[in-house]
PDB file of all heavy atoms in Angstrom:
ATOM      1  N   ARG A   1       6.194  13.536 -19.629  1.00  0.00           N
ATOM      2  CA  ARG A   1       4.803  13.830 -19.850  1.00  0.00           C
ATOM      3  C   ARG A   1       3.955  12.967 -18.949  1.00  0.00           C
ATOM      4  O   ARG A   1       3.972  11.746 -19.077  1.00  0.00           O
ATOM      5  CB  ARG A   1       4.399  13.583 -21.318  1.00  0.00           C
ATOM      6  CG  ARG A   1       2.995  14.137 -21.635  1.00  0.00           C
ATOM      7  CD  ARG A   1       2.518  13.724 -22.999  1.00  0.00           C
ATOM      8  NE  ARG A   1       1.369  14.468 -23.410  1.00  0.00           N
ATOM      9  CZ  ARG A   1       0.495  14.079 -24.347  1.00  0.00           C
ATOM     10  NH1 ARG A   1       0.666  12.930 -24.977  1.00  0.00           N
ATOM     11  NH2 ARG A   1      -0.548  14.811 -24.667  1.00  0.00           N
ATOM     12  N   LEU A   2       3.286  13.609 -18.025  1.00  0.00           N
ATOM     13  CA  LEU A   2       2.405  12.946 -17.084  1.00  0.00           C
ATOM     14  C   LEU A   2       0.983  12.842 -17.617  1.00  0.00           C
ATOM     15  O   LEU A   2       0.536  13.736 -18.294  1.00  0.00           O
ATOM     16  CB  LEU A   2       2.386  13.627 -15.722  1.00  0.00           C
ATOM     17  CG  LEU A   2       3.739  13.920 -15.077  1.00  0.00           C
ATOM     18  CD1 LEU A   2       3.514  14.550 -13.706  1.00  0.00           C
ATOM     19  CD2 LEU A   2       4.581  12.648 -14.981  1.00  0.00           C
ATOM     20  N   SER A   3       0.321  11.739 -17.332  1.00  0.00           N
ATOM     21  CA  SER A   3      -1.086  11.540 -17.740  1.00  0.00           C
ATOM     22  C   SER A   3      -1.939  11.341 -16.499  1.00  0.00           C
ATOM     23  O   SER A   3      -1.506  10.802 -15.492  1.00  0.00           O
ATOM     24  CB  SER A   3      -1.205  10.319 -18.640  1.00  0.00           C
ATOM     25  OG  SER A   3      -0.485  10.533 -19.851  1.00  0.00           O
ATOM     26  N   CYS A   4      -3.197  11.750 -16.613  1.00  0.00           N
ATOM     27  CA  CYS A   4      -4.172  11.649 -15.511  1.00  0.00           C
ATOM     28  C   CYS A   4      -5.466  11.151 -16.107  1.00  0.00           C
ATOM     29  O   CYS A   4      -6.133  11.874 -16.859  1.00  0.00           O
ATOM     30  CB  CYS A   4      -4.356  12.991 -14.824  1.00  0.00           C
ATOM     31  SG  CYS A   4      -5.711  13.047 -13.640  1.00  0.00           S
ATOM     32  N   ALA A   5      -5.861   9.914 -15.751  1.00  0.00           N
ATOM     33  CA  ALA A   5      -7.122   9.350 -16.209  1.00  0.00           C
ATOM     34  C   ALA A   5      -8.175   9.541 -15.166  1.00  0.00           C
ATOM     35  O   ALA A   5      -8.000   9.118 -14.000  1.00  0.00           O
ATOM     36  CB  ALA A   5      -6.925   7.865 -16.540  1.00  0.00           C
ATOM     37  N   ALA A   6      -9.278  10.179 -15.505  1.00  0.00           N
ATOM     38  CA  ALA A   6     -10.356  10.428 -14.598  1.00  0.00           C
ATOM     39  C   ALA A   6     -11.503   9.422 -14.798  1.00  0.00           C
ATOM     40  O   ALA A   6     -11.772   8.966 -15.907  1.00  0.00           O
ATOM     41  CB  ALA A   6     -10.911  11.853 -14.770  1.00  0.00           C
ATOM     42  N   SER A   7     -12.160   9.039 -13.720  1.00  0.00           N
ATOM     43  CA  SER A   7     -13.285   8.148 -13.765  1.00  0.00           C
ATOM     44  C   SER A   7     -14.394   8.708 -12.882  1.00  0.00           C
ATOM     45  O   SER A   7     -14.168   9.494 -11.949  1.00  0.00           O
ATOM     46  CB  SER A   7     -12.921   6.736 -13.330  1.00  0.00           C
ATOM     47  OG  SER A   7     -12.502   6.710 -11.993  1.00  0.00           O
ATOM     48  N   GLY A   8     -15.628   8.320 -13.165  1.00  0.00           N
ATOM     49  CA  GLY A   8     -16.743   8.850 -12.466  1.00  0.00           C
ATOM     50  C   GLY A   8     -17.319  10.067 -13.146  1.00  0.00           C
ATOM     51  O   GLY A   8     -16.858  10.437 -14.247  1.00  0.00           O
ATOM     52  N   ASP A   9     -18.295  10.699 -12.556  1.00  0.00           N
ATOM     53  CA  ASP A   9     -18.958  11.867 -13.120  1.00  0.00           C
ATOM     54  C   ASP A   9     -18.188  13.109 -12.796  1.00  0.00           C
ATOM     55  O   ASP A   9     -18.212  13.653 -11.680  1.00  0.00           O
ATOM     56  CB  ASP A   9     -20.390  11.964 -12.568  1.00  0.00           C
ATOM     57  CG  ASP A   9     -21.210  12.990 -13.310  1.00  0.00           C
ATOM     58  OD1 ASP A   9     -20.683  13.681 -14.190  1.00  0.00           O
ATOM     59  OD2 ASP A   9     -22.390  13.131 -12.972  1.00  0.00           O
ATOM     60  N   THR A  10     -17.491  13.650 -13.802  1.00  0.00           N
ATOM     61  CA  THR A  10     -16.678  14.874 -13.589  1.00  0.00           C
ATOM     62  C   THR A  10     -17.387  16.121 -14.141  1.00  0.00           C
ATOM     63  O   THR A  10     -16.775  17.187 -14.193  1.00  0.00           O
ATOM     64  CB  THR A  10     -15.328  14.719 -14.312  1.00  0.00           C
ATOM     65  OG1 THR A  10     -15.511  14.594 -15.731  1.00  0.00           O
ATOM     66  CG2 THR A  10     -14.566  13.511 -13.805  1.00  0.00           C
ATOM     67  N   ARG A  11     -18.618  16.002 -14.546  1.00  0.00           N
ATOM     68  CA  ARG A  11     -19.323  17.115 -15.228  1.00  0.00           C
ATOM     69  C   ARG A  11     -19.476  18.323 -14.335  1.00  0.00           C
ATOM     70  O   ARG A  11     -19.610  19.448 -14.863  1.00  0.00           O
ATOM     71  CB  ARG A  11     -20.689  16.651 -15.716  1.00  0.00           C
ATOM     72  CG  ARG A  11     -20.590  15.655 -16.879  1.00  0.00           C
ATOM     73  CD  ARG A  11     -21.965  15.182 -17.290  1.00  0.00           C
ATOM     74  NE  ARG A  11     -22.620  14.411 -16.202  1.00  0.00           N
ATOM     75  CZ  ARG A  11     -23.855  13.893 -16.280  1.00  0.00           C
ATOM     76  NH1 ARG A  11     -24.580  14.119 -17.379  1.00  0.00           N
ATOM     77  NH2 ARG A  11     -24.350  13.235 -15.238  1.00  0.00           N
ATOM     78  N   ARG A  12     -19.503  18.145 -13.026  1.00  0.00           N
ATOM     79  CA  ARG A  12     -19.668  19.265 -12.128  1.00  0.00           C
ATOM     80  C   ARG A  12     -18.345  19.898 -11.671  1.00  0.00           C
ATOM     81  O   ARG A  12     -18.359  20.880 -10.924  1.00  0.00           O
ATOM     82  CB  ARG A  12     -20.481  18.888 -10.911  1.00  0.00           C
ATOM     83  CG  ARG A  12     -21.929  18.529 -11.232  1.00  0.00           C
ATOM     84  CD  ARG A  12     -22.763  18.374 -10.016  1.00  0.00           C
ATOM     85  NE  ARG A  12     -24.184  18.119 -10.311  1.00  0.00           N
ATOM     86  CZ  ARG A  12     -25.153  18.089  -9.450  1.00  0.00           C
ATOM     87  NH1 ARG A  12     -24.897  18.280  -8.152  1.00  0.00           N
ATOM     88  NH2 ARG A  12     -26.395  17.833  -9.829  1.00  0.00           N
ATOM     89  N   ILE A  13     -17.221  19.370 -12.158  1.00  0.00           N
ATOM     90  CA  ILE A  13     -15.933  19.959 -11.823  1.00  0.00           C
ATOM     91  C   ILE A  13     -15.599  21.009 -12.854  1.00  0.00           C
ATOM     92  O   ILE A  13     -15.502  20.706 -14.050  1.00  0.00           O
ATOM     93  CB  ILE A  13     -14.849  18.850 -11.776  1.00  0.00           C
ATOM     94  CG1 ILE A  13     -15.174  17.833 -10.691  1.00  0.00           C
ATOM     95  CG2 ILE A  13     -13.505  19.489 -11.510  1.00  0.00           C
ATOM     96  CD1 ILE A  13     -14.217  16.661 -10.639  1.00  0.00           C
ATOM     97  N   ASN A  14     -15.397  22.234 -12.422  1.00  0.00           N
ATOM     98  CA  ASN A  14     -15.163  23.340 -13.344  1.00  0.00           C
ATOM     99  C   ASN A  14     -13.724  23.472 -13.790  1.00  0.00           C
ATOM    100  O   ASN A  14     -13.459  23.984 -14.860  1.00  0.00           O
ATOM    101  CB  ASN A  14     -15.650  24.648 -12.713  1.00  0.00           C
ATOM    102  CG  ASN A  14     -15.692  25.803 -13.714  1.00  0.00           C
ATOM    103  OD1 ASN A  14     -16.316  25.689 -14.753  1.00  0.00           O
ATOM    104  ND2 ASN A  14     -15.051  26.907 -13.393  1.00  0.00           N
ATOM    105  N   ALA A  15     -12.781  23.056 -12.905  1.00  0.00           N
ATOM    106  CA  ALA A  15     -11.378  23.178 -13.233  1.00  0.00           C
ATOM    107  C   ALA A  15     -10.610  22.010 -12.657  1.00  0.00           C
ATOM    108  O   ALA A  15     -10.949  21.505 -11.601  1.00  0.00           O
ATOM    109  CB  ALA A  15     -10.840  24.485 -12.732  1.00  0.00           C
ATOM    110  N   PHE A  16      -9.537  21.597 -13.354  1.00  0.00           N
ATOM    111  CA  PHE A  16      -8.703  20.500 -12.917  1.00  0.00           C
ATOM    112  C   PHE A  16      -7.307  20.987 -12.728  1.00  0.00           C
ATOM    113  O   PHE A  16      -6.886  22.010 -13.296  1.00  0.00           O
ATOM    114  CB  PHE A  16      -8.744  19.384 -13.963  1.00  0.00           C
ATOM    115  CG  PHE A  16     -10.151  18.847 -14.221  1.00  0.00           C
ATOM    116  CD1 PHE A  16     -10.947  19.480 -15.154  1.00  0.00           C
ATOM    117  CD2 PHE A  16     -10.619  17.759 -13.525  1.00  0.00           C
ATOM    118  CE1 PHE A  16     -12.262  19.008 -15.394  1.00  0.00           C
ATOM    119  CE2 PHE A  16     -11.905  17.248 -13.760  1.00  0.00           C
ATOM    120  CZ  PHE A  16     -12.725  17.903 -14.702  1.00  0.00           C
ATOM    121  N   ALA A  17      -6.518  20.245 -11.955  1.00  0.00           N
ATOM    122  CA  ALA A  17      -5.193  20.719 -11.676  1.00  0.00           C
ATOM    123  C   ALA A  17      -4.198  19.583 -11.389  1.00  0.00           C
ATOM    124  O   ALA A  17      -4.602  18.471 -11.066  1.00  0.00           O
ATOM    125  CB  ALA A  17      -5.225  21.627 -10.442  1.00  0.00           C
ATOM    126  N   TRP A  18      -2.931  19.896 -11.547  1.00  0.00           N
ATOM    127  CA  TRP A  18      -1.814  19.059 -11.093  1.00  0.00           C
ATOM    128  C   TRP A  18      -1.248  19.664  -9.825  1.00  0.00           C
ATOM    129  O   TRP A  18      -1.035  20.886  -9.700  1.00  0.00           O
ATOM    130  CB  TRP A  18      -0.745  18.966 -12.147  1.00  0.00           C
ATOM    131  CG  TRP A  18      -1.094  18.102 -13.317  1.00  0.00           C
ATOM    132  CD1 TRP A  18      -1.628  18.491 -14.515  1.00  0.00           C
ATOM    133  CD2 TRP A  18      -0.925  16.687 -13.382  1.00  0.00           C
ATOM    134  NE1 TRP A  18      -1.798  17.364 -15.317  1.00  0.00           N
ATOM    135  CE2 TRP A  18      -1.368  16.272 -14.659  1.00  0.00           C
ATOM    136  CE3 TRP A  18      -0.388  15.728 -12.494  1.00  0.00           C
ATOM    137  CZ2 TRP A  18      -1.340  14.923 -15.055  1.00  0.00           C
ATOM    138  CZ3 TRP A  18      -0.384  14.406 -12.907  1.00  0.00           C
ATOM    139  CH2 TRP A  18      -0.852  14.006 -14.176  1.00  0.00           C
ATOM    140  N   PHE A  19      -0.993  18.812  -8.833  1.00  0.00           N
ATOM    141  CA  PHE A  19      -0.376  19.182  -7.590  1.00  0.00           C
ATOM    142  C   PHE A  19       0.940  18.360  -7.441  1.00  0.00           C
ATOM    143  O   PHE A  19       1.104  17.337  -8.100  1.00  0.00           O
ATOM    144  CB  PHE A  19      -1.287  18.859  -6.405  1.00  0.00           C
ATOM    145  CG  PHE A  19      -2.623  19.574  -6.436  1.00  0.00           C
ATOM    146  CD1 PHE A  19      -3.651  19.083  -7.198  1.00  0.00           C
ATOM    147  CD2 PHE A  19      -2.827  20.718  -5.712  1.00  0.00           C
ATOM    148  CE1 PHE A  19      -4.905  19.709  -7.223  1.00  0.00           C
ATOM    149  CE2 PHE A  19      -4.066  21.355  -5.714  1.00  0.00           C
ATOM    150  CZ  PHE A  19      -5.111  20.855  -6.486  1.00  0.00           C
ATOM    151  N   ARG A  20       1.777  18.807  -6.542  1.00  0.00           N
ATOM    152  CA  ARG A  20       2.964  18.037  -6.229  1.00  0.00           C
ATOM    153  C   ARG A  20       3.346  18.179  -4.751  1.00  0.00           C
ATOM    154  O   ARG A  20       3.012  19.151  -4.118  1.00  0.00           O
ATOM    155  CB  ARG A  20       4.156  18.415  -7.111  1.00  0.00           C
ATOM    156  CG  ARG A  20       4.692  19.818  -6.879  1.00  0.00           C
ATOM    157  CD  ARG A  20       5.807  20.137  -7.883  1.00  0.00           C
ATOM    158  NE  ARG A  20       6.343  21.483  -7.713  1.00  0.00           N
ATOM    159  CZ  ARG A  20       7.204  22.062  -8.531  1.00  0.00           C
ATOM    160  NH1 ARG A  20       7.597  21.390  -9.641  1.00  0.00           N
ATOM    161  NH2 ARG A  20       7.662  23.286  -8.307  1.00  0.00           N
ATOM    162  N   ARG A  21       3.980  17.139  -4.215  1.00  0.00           N
ATOM    163  CA  ARG A  21       4.402  17.151  -2.849  1.00  0.00           C
ATOM    164  C   ARG A  21       5.875  16.657  -2.797  1.00  0.00           C
ATOM    165  O   ARG A  21       6.151  15.505  -3.166  1.00  0.00           O
ATOM    166  CB  ARG A  21       3.518  16.259  -1.992  1.00  0.00           C
ATOM    167  CG  ARG A  21       3.969  16.169  -0.534  1.00  0.00           C
ATOM    168  CD  ARG A  21       3.245  15.107   0.239  1.00  0.00           C
ATOM    169  NE  ARG A  21       3.423  13.788  -0.370  1.00  0.00           N
ATOM    170  CZ  ARG A  21       4.515  13.023  -0.236  1.00  0.00           C
ATOM    171  NH1 ARG A  21       5.543  13.494   0.443  1.00  0.00           N
ATOM    172  NH2 ARG A  21       4.584  11.833  -0.781  1.00  0.00           N
ATOM    173  N   ALA A  22       6.739  17.568  -2.417  1.00  0.00           N
ATOM    174  CA  ALA A  22       8.131  17.196  -2.203  1.00  0.00           C
ATOM    175  C   ALA A  22       8.314  16.660  -0.783  1.00  0.00           C
ATOM    176  O   ALA A  22       7.503  16.968   0.087  1.00  0.00           O
ATOM    177  CB  ALA A  22       9.021  18.400  -2.410  1.00  0.00           C
ATOM    178  N   PRO A  23       9.309  15.818  -0.553  1.00  0.00           N
ATOM    179  CA  PRO A  23       9.521  15.241   0.769  1.00  0.00           C
ATOM    180  C   PRO A  23       9.622  16.324   1.860  1.00  0.00           C
ATOM    181  O   PRO A  23      10.352  17.288   1.726  1.00  0.00           O
ATOM    182  CB  PRO A  23      10.823  14.477   0.653  1.00  0.00           C
ATOM    183  CG  PRO A  23      10.884  14.100  -0.816  1.00  0.00           C
ATOM    184  CD  PRO A  23      10.287  15.298  -1.533  1.00  0.00           C
ATOM    185  N   GLY A  24       8.806  16.133   2.938  1.00  0.00           N
ATOM    186  CA  GLY A  24       8.843  17.050   4.051  1.00  0.00           C
ATOM    187  C   GLY A  24       8.153  18.362   3.790  1.00  0.00           C
ATOM    188  O   GLY A  24       8.193  19.270   4.657  1.00  0.00           O
ATOM    189  N   LYS A  25       7.447  18.545   2.661  1.00  0.00           N
ATOM    190  CA  LYS A  25       6.809  19.792   2.329  1.00  0.00           C
ATOM    191  C   LYS A  25       5.305  19.565   2.066  1.00  0.00           C
ATOM    192  O   LYS A  25       4.865  18.460   1.841  1.00  0.00           O
ATOM    193  CB  LYS A  25       7.456  20.431   1.106  1.00  0.00           C
ATOM    194  CG  LYS A  25       8.906  20.810   1.313  1.00  0.00           C
ATOM    195  CD  LYS A  25       9.444  21.585   0.116  1.00  0.00           C
ATOM    196  CE  LYS A  25      10.912  22.014   0.348  1.00  0.00           C
ATOM    197  NZ  LYS A  25      11.430  22.760  -0.803  1.00  0.00           N
ATOM    198  N   GLN A  26       4.563  20.666   2.109  1.00  0.00           N
ATOM    199  CA  GLN A  26       3.124  20.584   1.862  1.00  0.00           C
ATOM    200  C   GLN A  26       2.840  20.444   0.399  1.00  0.00           C
ATOM    201  O   GLN A  26       3.671  20.761  -0.470  1.00  0.00           O
ATOM    202  CB  GLN A  26       2.438  21.842   2.404  1.00  0.00           C
ATOM    203  CG  GLN A  26       2.397  21.974   3.919  1.00  0.00           C
ATOM    204  CD  GLN A  26       1.554  23.119   4.385  1.00  0.00           C
ATOM    205  OE1 GLN A  26       1.501  24.156   3.728  1.00  0.00           O
ATOM    206  NE2 GLN A  26       0.885  22.933   5.512  1.00  0.00           N
TER     207      GLN A  26
END
């Protein structure tokens, strides 16, 4: 289970996401 703590003013962000990068890939 991964956690993501946000700081700052996020009120104008409509959607949030998880991304990943494997070695040598975008």
